[in-house]
Amino acid sequence: MLILDNNDHMIKFMKKMLNKKFDMKDLGVVDVILEIQISRTSNGLILSQSHYIKKLFYKFLKVITI
């Protein structure tokens, strides 16, 4: 589960509430999820799949050169 909010207090509250009902582990700040790279800026979040496209490209390139 990914919890997003611009209010850190609300995130902590939500995690505390969910932790009472479910066995959870906090994995920290997300970097990549479902092949989507997430970057935080002062203006918000940037979602990118460029690393995934590069991975597919190199995989495809290996198939062609064999």
N, C-alpha and C. Protein backbone atom coordinates (compact mmCIF):
# COMPACT_ATOMS: atom_id res chain seq x y z
N MET A 1 0.84 -1.16 0.00
CA MET A 1 0.00 0.00 0.00
C MET A 1 0.89 1.23 0.00
N LEU A 2 0.51 2.20 -0.76
CA LEU A 2 1.26 3.45 -0.86
C LEU A 2 0.39 4.56 -0.28
N ILE A 3 0.91 5.27 0.69
CA ILE A 3 0.18 6.38 1.32
C ILE A 3 0.83 7.68 0.88
N LEU A 4 0.05 8.54 0.24
CA LEU A 4 0.56 9.83 -0.25
C LEU A 4 -0.25 10.96 0.35
N ASP A 5 0.44 11.97 0.82
CA ASP A 5 -0.20 13.18 1.32
C ASP A 5 0.88 14.23 1.48
N ASN A 6 0.53 15.48 1.37
CA ASN A 6 1.52 16.54 1.58
C ASN A 6 1.61 16.94 3.05
N ASN A 7 0.83 16.29 3.90
CA ASN A 7 0.80 16.56 5.33
C ASN A 7 1.41 15.37 6.07
N ASP A 8 2.63 15.55 6.61
CA ASP A 8 3.32 14.46 7.30
C ASP A 8 2.53 13.96 8.51
N HIS A 9 1.86 14.87 9.20
CA HIS A 9 1.05 14.48 10.36
C HIS A 9 -0.05 13.50 9.94
N MET A 10 -0.69 13.78 8.82
CA MET A 10 -1.76 12.92 8.33
C MET A 10 -1.22 11.54 7.93
N ILE A 11 -0.05 11.49 7.34
CA ILE A 11 0.57 10.21 6.97
C ILE A 11 0.85 9.39 8.22
N LYS A 12 1.43 10.03 9.24
CA LYS A 12 1.71 9.31 10.49
C LYS A 12 0.43 8.81 11.14
N PHE A 13 -0.61 9.63 11.13
CA PHE A 13 -1.89 9.23 11.70
C PHE A 13 -2.46 8.02 10.95
N MET A 14 -2.43 8.07 9.62
CA MET A 14 -2.96 6.99 8.79
C MET A 14 -2.19 5.69 9.04
N LYS A 15 -0.85 5.77 9.09
CA LYS A 15 -0.04 4.57 9.34
C LYS A 15 -0.33 3.99 10.72
N LYS A 16 -0.51 4.85 11.72
CA LYS A 16 -0.81 4.40 13.07
C LYS A 16 -2.17 3.69 13.11
N MET A 17 -3.15 4.27 12.43
CA MET A 17 -4.49 3.69 12.38
C MET A 17 -4.47 2.34 11.67
N LEU A 18 -3.80 2.26 10.53
CA LEU A 18 -3.73 1.01 9.78
C LEU A 18 -2.95 -0.07 10.54
N ASN A 19 -1.93 0.36 11.26
CA ASN A 19 -1.10 -0.58 12.01
C ASN A 19 -1.88 -1.25 13.14
N LYS A 20 -2.92 -0.59 13.63
CA LYS A 20 -3.77 -1.19 14.67
C LYS A 20 -4.60 -2.35 14.12
N LYS A 21 -4.96 -2.28 12.84
CA LYS A 21 -5.81 -3.30 12.22
C LYS A 21 -5.05 -4.35 11.43
N PHE A 22 -3.89 -3.97 10.91
CA PHE A 22 -3.15 -4.85 10.00
C PHE A 22 -1.69 -4.97 10.44
N ASP A 23 -1.09 -6.10 10.10
CA ASP A 23 0.34 -6.28 10.32
C ASP A 23 1.06 -5.56 9.20
N MET A 24 1.77 -4.50 9.53
CA MET A 24 2.40 -3.66 8.51
C MET A 24 3.90 -3.51 8.76
N LYS A 25 4.61 -3.18 7.69
CA LYS A 25 6.01 -2.82 7.78
C LYS A 25 6.21 -1.56 6.96
N ASP A 26 6.81 -0.54 7.56
CA ASP A 26 7.07 0.71 6.85
C ASP A 26 8.37 0.57 6.07
N LEU A 27 8.30 0.68 4.76
CA LEU A 27 9.47 0.55 3.91
C LEU A 27 10.12 1.89 3.60
N GLY A 28 9.60 2.95 4.21
CA GLY A 28 10.19 4.28 4.02
C GLY A 28 9.67 4.98 2.78
N VAL A 29 10.43 5.96 2.37
CA VAL A 29 10.05 6.77 1.20
C VAL A 29 10.18 5.91 -0.06
N VAL A 30 9.16 5.98 -0.89
CA VAL A 30 9.13 5.17 -2.11
C VAL A 30 10.05 5.78 -3.17
N ASP A 31 10.72 4.91 -3.90
CA ASP A 31 11.59 5.31 -5.00
C ASP A 31 11.00 4.82 -6.33
N VAL A 32 10.65 3.54 -6.37
CA VAL A 32 10.05 2.93 -7.56
C VAL A 32 8.95 2.00 -7.09
N ILE A 33 7.81 2.05 -7.76
CA ILE A 33 6.71 1.13 -7.49
C ILE A 33 6.01 0.81 -8.80
N LEU A 34 5.79 -0.47 -9.05
CA LEU A 34 5.14 -0.93 -10.28
C LEU A 34 5.82 -0.36 -11.53
N GLU A 35 7.17 -0.37 -11.50
CA GLU A 35 8.00 0.13 -12.62
C GLU A 35 7.83 1.63 -12.87
N ILE A 36 7.28 2.36 -11.91
CA ILE A 36 7.13 3.81 -12.01
C ILE A 36 8.10 4.45 -11.02
N GLN A 37 9.00 5.28 -11.53
CA GLN A 37 9.96 5.97 -10.68
C GLN A 37 9.30 7.23 -10.14
N ILE A 38 9.42 7.46 -8.83
CA ILE A 38 8.78 8.60 -8.19
C ILE A 38 9.85 9.51 -7.62
N SER A 39 9.83 10.77 -8.03
CA SER A 39 10.76 11.77 -7.52
C SER A 39 9.97 12.89 -6.88
N ARG A 40 10.43 13.34 -5.73
CA ARG A 40 9.76 14.43 -5.02
C ARG A 40 10.47 15.74 -5.31
N THR A 41 9.71 16.77 -5.66
CA THR A 41 10.25 18.11 -5.88
C THR A 41 9.49 19.08 -4.98
N SER A 42 9.91 20.33 -4.99
CA SER A 42 9.21 21.34 -4.19
C SER A 42 7.81 21.61 -4.74
N ASN A 43 7.59 21.28 -6.01
CA ASN A 43 6.27 21.49 -6.64
C ASN A 43 5.36 20.27 -6.56
N GLY A 44 5.87 19.15 -6.08
CA GLY A 44 5.05 17.94 -6.00
C GLY A 44 5.84 16.71 -6.39
N LEU A 45 5.16 15.77 -7.00
CA LEU A 45 5.79 14.51 -7.40
C LEU A 45 5.96 14.44 -8.91
N ILE A 46 7.02 13.78 -9.34
CA ILE A 46 7.24 13.51 -10.76
C ILE A 46 7.22 12.00 -10.93
N LEU A 47 6.36 11.51 -11.81
CA LEU A 47 6.26 10.08 -12.11
C LEU A 47 6.89 9.83 -13.47
N SER A 48 7.77 8.85 -13.54
CA SER A 48 8.48 8.59 -14.79
C SER A 48 8.65 7.09 -15.00
N GLN A 49 8.57 6.66 -16.25
CA GLN A 49 8.84 5.27 -16.60
C GLN A 49 10.04 5.17 -17.53
N SER A 50 10.86 6.21 -17.58
CA SER A 50 12.00 6.20 -18.51
C SER A 50 12.98 5.07 -18.21
N HIS A 51 13.23 4.76 -16.93
CA HIS A 51 14.13 3.66 -16.60
C HIS A 51 13.57 2.32 -17.07
N TYR A 52 12.26 2.17 -17.01
CA TYR A 52 11.61 0.94 -17.47
C TYR A 52 11.71 0.82 -18.99
N ILE A 53 11.53 1.93 -19.69
CA ILE A 53 11.65 1.95 -21.16
C ILE A 53 13.07 1.57 -21.56
N LYS A 54 14.07 2.12 -20.84
CA LYS A 54 15.47 1.77 -21.14
C LYS A 54 15.71 0.29 -20.92
N LYS A 55 15.16 -0.25 -19.84
CA LYS A 55 15.33 -1.67 -19.54
C LYS A 55 14.72 -2.52 -20.66
N LEU A 56 13.53 -2.16 -21.11
CA LEU A 56 12.89 -2.88 -22.21
C LEU A 56 13.70 -2.77 -23.50
N PHE A 57 14.22 -1.56 -23.76
CA PHE A 57 15.00 -1.33 -24.97
C PHE A 57 16.23 -2.23 -24.99
N TYR A 58 16.98 -2.28 -23.88
CA TYR A 58 18.19 -3.11 -23.83
C TYR A 58 17.85 -4.59 -23.91
N LYS A 59 16.75 -4.98 -23.30
CA LYS A 59 16.31 -6.38 -23.40
C LYS A 59 15.96 -6.73 -24.84
N PHE A 60 15.25 -5.83 -25.51
CA PHE A 60 14.87 -6.02 -26.92
C PHE A 60 16.11 -6.03 -27.80
N LEU A 61 17.06 -5.14 -27.51
CA LEU A 61 18.29 -5.04 -28.29
C LEU A 61 19.09 -6.35 -28.20
N LYS A 62 19.12 -6.96 -27.01
CA LYS A 62 19.83 -8.24 -26.84
C LYS A 62 19.18 -9.33 -27.68
N VAL A 63 17.86 -9.34 -27.77
CA VAL A 63 17.15 -10.34 -28.55
C VAL A 63 17.48 -10.19 -30.03
N ILE A 64 17.54 -8.95 -30.50
CA ILE A 64 17.83 -8.69 -31.92
C ILE A 64 19.25 -9.09 -32.29
N THR A 65 20.21 -8.85 -31.40
CA THR A 65 21.62 -9.10 -31.73
C THR A 65 22.03 -10.55 -31.58
N ILE A 66 21.17 -11.38 -31.05
CA ILE A 66 21.52 -12.81 -30.88
C ILE A 66 21.41 -13.54 -32.20
